Structures are given as structure tokens and as C-alpha cells.
Amino acid sequence: MLAGFGCGAGGLTLANTRFIQPQSILGVQWLAYLIFMGLVGGLGTFEGPIIGAILFFVIQYEFADLGA
């Protein structure tokens, strides 16, 4: 059920995009985000990447005003 939900959300994202390129949906930046989330949360666990994703978005939100 969760996998179906993820596929449906991805399909809706692609449907709302007017011009689809592989680089615009799955670029190197997104791959780096996914690797970061998995490493920060912990490898080999189910909840590790979820915790890593939450931590990543909290850090991104908190430090967004500081710039690069």
C-alpha cells in the first residue's frame, strides 16, 4: 500500500509538470539528498531514512536564510 502511494504521488508530480525531462525529475541533486538521508538516519534500518529525511528538511528549513 505504501509503495502504491509513493508511485501515485510520483505520477501526480509528473502529470503536473508540463515539460518532462529525466534531469528535471531525477537529477544528481535529488540523488545526493537520498544518499544523505540514508546515511544520516542509519543504514540497514527501516526508520533510519525516514528520520534522516525529517532531519534533512528541518536543517534545510532552519539554515535557508543563511545562503550558500
PDB file of N, CA and C in Angstrom:
ATOM      1  N   MET A   1       0.817  -1.164   0.000  1.00  0.00           N
ATOM      2  CA  MET A   1       0.000   0.000   0.000  1.00  0.00           C
ATOM      3  C   MET A   1       0.881   1.254   0.000  1.00  0.00           C
ATOM      4  N   LEU A   2       1.927   1.225   0.789  1.00  0.00           N
ATOM      5  CA  LEU A   2       2.826   2.377   0.820  1.00  0.00           C
ATOM      6  C   LEU A   2       3.549   2.555  -0.505  1.00  0.00           C
ATOM      7  N   ALA A   3       3.954   1.451  -1.136  1.00  0.00           N
ATOM      8  CA  ALA A   3       4.621   1.538  -2.427  1.00  0.00           C
ATOM      9  C   ALA A   3       3.669   2.092  -3.482  1.00  0.00           C
ATOM     10  N   GLY A   4       2.414   1.675  -3.432  1.00  0.00           N
ATOM     11  CA  GLY A   4       1.415   2.207  -4.364  1.00  0.00           C
ATOM     12  C   GLY A   4       1.178   3.683  -4.148  1.00  0.00           C
ATOM     13  N   PHE A   5       1.178   4.111  -2.895  1.00  0.00           N
ATOM     14  CA  PHE A   5       1.010   5.532  -2.589  1.00  0.00           C
ATOM     15  C   PHE A   5       2.177   6.344  -3.138  1.00  0.00           C
ATOM     16  N   GLY A   6       3.392   5.812  -2.983  1.00  0.00           N
ATOM     17  CA  GLY A   6       4.577   6.512  -3.497  1.00  0.00           C
ATOM     18  C   GLY A   6       4.558   6.616  -5.012  1.00  0.00           C
ATOM     19  N   CYS A   7       4.152   5.538  -5.673  1.00  0.00           N
ATOM     20  CA  CYS A   7       4.066   5.577  -7.143  1.00  0.00           C
ATOM     21  C   CYS A   7       2.992   6.552  -7.601  1.00  0.00           C
ATOM     22  N   GLY A   8       1.885   6.590  -6.905  1.00  0.00           N
ATOM     23  CA  GLY A   8       0.816   7.525  -7.261  1.00  0.00           C
ATOM     24  C   GLY A   8       1.240   8.970  -7.058  1.00  0.00           C
ATOM     25  N   ALA A   9       1.954   9.239  -5.981  1.00  0.00           N
ATOM     26  CA  ALA A   9       2.428  10.605  -5.741  1.00  0.00           C
ATOM     27  C   ALA A   9       3.433  11.023  -6.808  1.00  0.00           C
ATOM     28  N   GLY A  10       4.310  10.122  -7.204  1.00  0.00           N
ATOM     29  CA  GLY A  10       5.267  10.426  -8.265  1.00  0.00           C
ATOM     30  C   GLY A  10       4.577  10.641  -9.594  1.00  0.00           C
ATOM     31  N   GLY A  11       3.542   9.846  -9.868  1.00  0.00           N
ATOM     32  CA  GLY A  11       2.781  10.015 -11.103  1.00  0.00           C
ATOM     33  C   GLY A  11       2.053  11.341 -11.150  1.00  0.00           C
ATOM     34  N   LEU A  12       1.506  11.761 -10.018  1.00  0.00           N
ATOM     35  CA  LEU A  12       0.836  13.063  -9.969  1.00  0.00           C
ATOM     36  C   LEU A  12       1.826  14.207 -10.136  1.00  0.00           C
ATOM     37  N   THR A  13       3.016  14.050  -9.591  1.00  0.00           N
ATOM     38  CA  THR A  13       4.043  15.071  -9.768  1.00  0.00           C
ATOM     39  C   THR A  13       4.421  15.204 -11.234  1.00  0.00           C
ATOM     40  N   LEU A  14       4.596  14.082 -11.906  1.00  0.00           N
ATOM     41  CA  LEU A  14       4.930  14.117 -13.326  1.00  0.00           C
ATOM     42  C   LEU A  14       3.778  14.648 -14.162  1.00  0.00           C
ATOM     43  N   ALA A  15       2.541  14.335 -13.764  1.00  0.00           N
ATOM     44  CA  ALA A  15       1.381  14.807 -14.524  1.00  0.00           C
ATOM     45  C   ALA A  15       1.234  16.325 -14.418  1.00  0.00           C
ATOM     46  N   ASN A  16       1.642  16.897 -13.301  1.00  0.00           N
ATOM     47  CA  ASN A  16       1.526  18.350 -13.120  1.00  0.00           C
ATOM     48  C   ASN A  16       2.681  19.114 -13.754  1.00  0.00           C
ATOM     49  N   THR A  17       3.732  18.414 -14.145  1.00  0.00           N
ATOM     50  CA  THR A  17       4.861  19.048 -14.801  1.00  0.00           C
ATOM     51  C   THR A  17       4.563  19.138 -16.294  1.00  0.00           C
ATOM     52  N   ARG A  18       4.680  20.311 -16.863  1.00  0.00           N
ATOM     53  CA  ARG A  18       4.317  20.499 -18.264  1.00  0.00           C
ATOM     54  C   ARG A  18       5.394  19.991 -19.224  1.00  0.00           C
ATOM     55  N   PHE A  19       6.625  20.016 -18.811  1.00  0.00           N
ATOM     56  CA  PHE A  19       7.723  19.571 -19.664  1.00  0.00           C
ATOM     57  C   PHE A  19       8.570  18.592 -18.863  1.00  0.00           C
ATOM     58  N   ILE A  20       8.630  17.355 -19.305  1.00  0.00           N
ATOM     59  CA  ILE A  20       9.285  16.299 -18.533  1.00  0.00           C
ATOM     60  C   ILE A  20      10.620  15.946 -19.170  1.00  0.00           C
ATOM     61  N   GLN A  21      11.663  16.028 -18.368  1.00  0.00           N
ATOM     62  CA  GLN A  21      12.984  15.564 -18.738  1.00  0.00           C
ATOM     63  C   GLN A  21      13.502  14.714 -17.582  1.00  0.00           C
ATOM     64  N   PRO A  22      14.289  13.694 -17.866  1.00  0.00           N
ATOM     65  CA  PRO A  22      14.829  12.891 -16.765  1.00  0.00           C
ATOM     66  C   PRO A  22      15.662  13.718 -15.788  1.00  0.00           C
ATOM     67  N   GLN A  23      16.372  14.731 -16.290  1.00  0.00           N
ATOM     68  CA  GLN A  23      17.199  15.547 -15.409  1.00  0.00           C
ATOM     69  C   GLN A  23      16.352  16.412 -14.471  1.00  0.00           C
ATOM     70  N   SER A  24      15.140  16.786 -14.894  1.00  0.00           N
ATOM     71  CA  SER A  24      14.328  17.664 -14.060  1.00  0.00           C
ATOM     72  C   SER A  24      13.651  16.910 -12.921  1.00  0.00           C
ATOM     73  N   ILE A  25      13.386  15.628 -13.106  1.00  0.00           N
ATOM     74  CA  ILE A  25      12.701  14.859 -12.069  1.00  0.00           C
ATOM     75  C   ILE A  25      13.686  14.109 -11.188  1.00  0.00           C
ATOM     76  N   LEU A  26      14.680  13.459 -11.785  1.00  0.00           N
ATOM     77  CA  LEU A  26      15.646  12.678 -11.011  1.00  0.00           C
ATOM     78  C   LEU A  26      17.045  13.142 -11.379  1.00  0.00           C
ATOM     79  N   GLY A  27      17.465  14.237 -10.786  1.00  0.00           N
ATOM     80  CA  GLY A  27      18.783  14.779 -11.068  1.00  0.00           C
ATOM     81  C   GLY A  27      19.798  14.330 -10.034  1.00  0.00           C
ATOM     82  N   VAL A  28      20.998  14.786 -10.203  1.00  0.00           N
ATOM     83  CA  VAL A  28      22.083  14.438  -9.288  1.00  0.00           C
ATOM     84  C   VAL A  28      21.818  15.022  -7.906  1.00  0.00           C
ATOM     85  N   GLN A  29      21.183  16.173  -7.862  1.00  0.00           N
ATOM     86  CA  GLN A  29      20.887  16.809  -6.579  1.00  0.00           C
ATOM     87  C   GLN A  29      19.950  15.934  -5.736  1.00  0.00           C
ATOM     88  N   TRP A  30      18.919  15.370  -6.366  1.00  0.00           N
ATOM     89  CA  TRP A  30      17.983  14.509  -5.628  1.00  0.00           C
ATOM     90  C   TRP A  30      18.663  13.230  -5.172  1.00  0.00           C
ATOM     91  N   LEU A  31      19.554  12.697  -5.988  1.00  0.00           N
ATOM     92  CA  LEU A  31      20.289  11.503  -5.602  1.00  0.00           C
ATOM     93  C   LEU A  31      21.178  11.786  -4.392  1.00  0.00           C
ATOM     94  N   ALA A  32      21.807  12.941  -4.367  1.00  0.00           N
ATOM     95  CA  ALA A  32      22.630  13.325  -3.214  1.00  0.00           C
ATOM     96  C   ALA A  32      21.765  13.478  -1.965  1.00  0.00           C
ATOM     97  N   TYR A  33      20.567  14.042  -2.118  1.00  0.00           N
ATOM     98  CA  TYR A  33      19.651  14.159  -0.981  1.00  0.00           C
ATOM     99  C   TYR A  33      19.290  12.784  -0.432  1.00  0.00           C
ATOM    100  N   LEU A  34      18.974  11.836  -1.314  1.00  0.00           N
ATOM    101  CA  LEU A  34      18.584  10.500  -0.869  1.00  0.00           C
ATOM    102  C   LEU A  34      19.726   9.788  -0.158  1.00  0.00           C
ATOM    103  N   ILE A  35      20.932   9.922  -0.682  1.00  0.00           N
ATOM    104  CA  ILE A  35      22.081   9.298  -0.034  1.00  0.00           C
ATOM    105  C   ILE A  35      22.319   9.927   1.337  1.00  0.00           C
ATOM    106  N   PHE A  36      22.201  11.253   1.425  1.00  0.00           N
ATOM    107  CA  PHE A  36      22.381  11.954   2.696  1.00  0.00           C
ATOM    108  C   PHE A  36      21.354  11.484   3.728  1.00  0.00           C
ATOM    109  N   MET A  37      20.110  11.355   3.304  1.00  0.00           N
ATOM    110  CA  MET A  37      19.058  10.929   4.231  1.00  0.00           C
ATOM    111  C   MET A  37      19.311   9.523   4.756  1.00  0.00           C
ATOM    112  N   GLY A  38      19.740   8.641   3.878  1.00  0.00           N
ATOM    113  CA  GLY A  38      20.026   7.283   4.311  1.00  0.00           C
ATOM    114  C   GLY A  38      21.215   7.198   5.242  1.00  0.00           C
ATOM    115  N   LEU A  39      22.258   7.961   4.966  1.00  0.00           N
ATOM    116  CA  LEU A  39      23.451   7.919   5.812  1.00  0.00           C
ATOM    117  C   LEU A  39      23.224   8.569   7.166  1.00  0.00           C
ATOM    118  N   VAL A  40      22.495   9.672   7.191  1.00  0.00           N
ATOM    119  CA  VAL A  40      22.263  10.366   8.462  1.00  0.00           C
ATOM    120  C   VAL A  40      21.330   9.557   9.353  1.00  0.00           C
ATOM    121  N   GLY A  41      20.294   8.985   8.761  1.00  0.00           N
ATOM    122  CA  GLY A  41      19.332   8.227   9.554  1.00  0.00           C
ATOM    123  C   GLY A  41      19.843   6.874   9.996  1.00  0.00           C
ATOM    124  N   GLY A  42      20.726   6.300   9.245  1.00  0.00           N
ATOM    125  CA  GLY A  42      21.265   4.989   9.595  1.00  0.00           C
ATOM    126  C   GLY A  42      20.947   3.977   8.516  1.00  0.00           C
ATOM    127  N   LEU A  43      21.966   3.254   8.095  1.00  0.00           N
ATOM    128  CA  LEU A  43      21.789   2.241   7.068  1.00  0.00           C
ATOM    129  C   LEU A  43      21.297   0.937   7.690  1.00  0.00           C
ATOM    130  N   GLY A  44      20.524   0.189   6.953  1.00  0.00           N
ATOM    131  CA  GLY A  44      20.085  -1.120   7.404  1.00  0.00           C
ATOM    132  C   GLY A  44      18.869  -1.119   8.298  1.00  0.00           C
ATOM    133  N   THR A  45      18.230   0.017   8.472  1.00  0.00           N
ATOM    134  CA  THR A  45      17.028   0.076   9.285  1.00  0.00           C
ATOM    135  C   THR A  45      15.888   0.634   8.455  1.00  0.00           C
ATOM    136  N   PHE A  46      14.678   0.349   8.864  1.00  0.00           N
ATOM    137  CA  PHE A  46      13.507   0.851   8.147  1.00  0.00           C
ATOM    138  C   PHE A  46      13.260   2.319   8.471  1.00  0.00           C
ATOM    139  N   GLU A  47      13.370   2.671   9.733  1.00  0.00           N
ATOM    140  CA  GLU A  47      13.046   4.036  10.131  1.00  0.00           C
ATOM    141  C   GLU A  47      14.213   5.009   9.972  1.00  0.00           C
ATOM    142  N   GLY A  48      15.392   4.523   9.683  1.00  0.00           N
ATOM    143  CA  GLY A  48      16.568   5.374   9.532  1.00  0.00           C
ATOM    144  C   GLY A  48      16.426   6.423   8.440  1.00  0.00           C
ATOM    145  N   PRO A  49      16.097   6.032   7.205  1.00  0.00           N
ATOM    146  CA  PRO A  49      15.926   7.045   6.162  1.00  0.00           C
ATOM    147  C   PRO A  49      14.769   8.007   6.436  1.00  0.00           C
ATOM    148  N   ILE A  50      13.744   7.555   7.134  1.00  0.00           N
ATOM    149  CA  ILE A  50      12.631   8.450   7.482  1.00  0.00           C
ATOM    150  C   ILE A  50      13.119   9.516   8.455  1.00  0.00           C
ATOM    151  N   ILE A  51      13.877   9.096   9.454  1.00  0.00           N
ATOM    152  CA  ILE A  51      14.442  10.055  10.407  1.00  0.00           C
ATOM    153  C   ILE A  51      15.429  10.976   9.698  1.00  0.00           C
ATOM    154  N   GLY A  52      16.223  10.416   8.792  1.00  0.00           N
ATOM    155  CA  GLY A  52      17.161  11.229   8.024  1.00  0.00           C
ATOM    156  C   GLY A  52      16.449  12.260   7.167  1.00  0.00           C
ATOM    157  N   ALA A  53      15.311  11.894   6.566  1.00  0.00           N
ATOM    158  CA  ALA A  53      14.541  12.831   5.746  1.00  0.00           C
ATOM    159  C   ALA A  53      13.971  13.954   6.600  1.00  0.00           C
ATOM    160  N   ILE A  54      13.433  13.609   7.747  1.00  0.00           N
ATOM    161  CA  ILE A  54      12.890  14.636   8.649  1.00  0.00           C
ATOM    162  C   ILE A  54      14.000  15.576   9.095  1.00  0.00           C
ATOM    163  N   LEU A  55      15.130  15.017   9.478  1.00  0.00           N
ATOM    164  CA  LEU A  55      16.261  15.833   9.914  1.00  0.00           C
ATOM    165  C   LEU A  55      16.779  16.709   8.783  1.00  0.00           C
ATOM    166  N   PHE A  56      16.844  16.157   7.571  1.00  0.00           N
ATOM    167  CA  PHE A  56      17.315  16.920   6.413  1.00  0.00           C
ATOM    168  C   PHE A  56      16.430  18.133   6.152  1.00  0.00           C
ATOM    169  N   PHE A  57      15.114  17.942   6.144  1.00  0.00           N
ATOM    170  CA  PHE A  57      14.221  19.057   5.850  1.00  0.00           C
ATOM    171  C   PHE A  57      14.178  20.077   6.981  1.00  0.00           C
ATOM    172  N   VAL A  58      14.364  19.637   8.221  1.00  0.00           N
ATOM    173  CA  VAL A  58      14.443  20.588   9.337  1.00  0.00           C
ATOM    174  C   VAL A  58      15.703  21.435   9.202  1.00  0.00           C
ATOM    175  N   ILE A  59      16.832  20.794   8.906  1.00  0.00           N
ATOM    176  CA  ILE A  59      18.087  21.534   8.726  1.00  0.00           C
ATOM    177  C   ILE A  59      17.982  22.486   7.542  1.00  0.00           C
ATOM    178  N   GLN A  60      17.394  22.017   6.444  1.00  0.00           N
ATOM    179  CA  GLN A  60      17.241  22.854   5.260  1.00  0.00           C
ATOM    180  C   GLN A  60      16.357  24.068   5.555  1.00  0.00           C
ATOM    181  N   TYR A  61      15.299  23.880   6.324  1.00  0.00           N
ATOM    182  CA  TYR A  61      14.404  24.983   6.660  1.00  0.00           C
ATOM    183  C   TYR A  61      15.085  25.981   7.600  1.00  0.00           C
ATOM    184  N   GLU A  62      15.816  25.478   8.573  1.00  0.00           N
ATOM    185  CA  GLU A  62      16.437  26.344   9.569  1.00  0.00           C
ATOM    186  C   GLU A  62      17.568  27.187   8.979  1.00  0.00           C
ATOM    187  N   PHE A  63      18.345  26.610   8.063  1.00  0.00           N
ATOM    188  CA  PHE A  63      19.503  27.308   7.519  1.00  0.00           C
ATOM    189  C   PHE A  63      19.260  27.928   6.155  1.00  0.00           C
ATOM    190  N   ALA A  64      18.029  27.998   5.703  1.00  0.00           N
ATOM    191  CA  ALA A  64      17.714  28.525   4.368  1.00  0.00           C
ATOM    192  C   ALA A  64      18.026  30.015   4.259  1.00  0.00           C
ATOM    193  N   ASP A  65      17.891  30.754   5.332  1.00  0.00           N
ATOM    194  CA  ASP A  65      18.117  32.204   5.292  1.00  0.00           C
ATOM    195  C   ASP A  65      19.592  32.569   5.260  1.00  0.00           C
ATOM    196  N   LEU A  66      20.470  31.631   5.567  1.00  0.00           N
ATOM    197  CA  LEU A  66      21.894  31.947   5.625  1.00  0.00           C
ATOM    198  C   LEU A  66      22.575  31.932   4.270  1.00  0.00           C
ATOM    199  N   GLY A  67      21.923  31.355   3.256  1.00  0.00           N
ATOM    200  CA  GLY A  67      22.510  31.300   1.921  1.00  0.00           C
ATOM    201  C   GLY A  67      23.481  30.155   1.785  1.00  0.00           C
ATOM    202  N   ALA A  68      24.230  30.167   0.713  1.00  0.00           N
ATOM    203  CA  ALA A  68      25.174  29.071   0.457  1.00  0.00           C
ATOM    204  C   ALA A  68      26.342  29.161   1.411  1.00  0.00           C
TER     205      ALA A  68
END
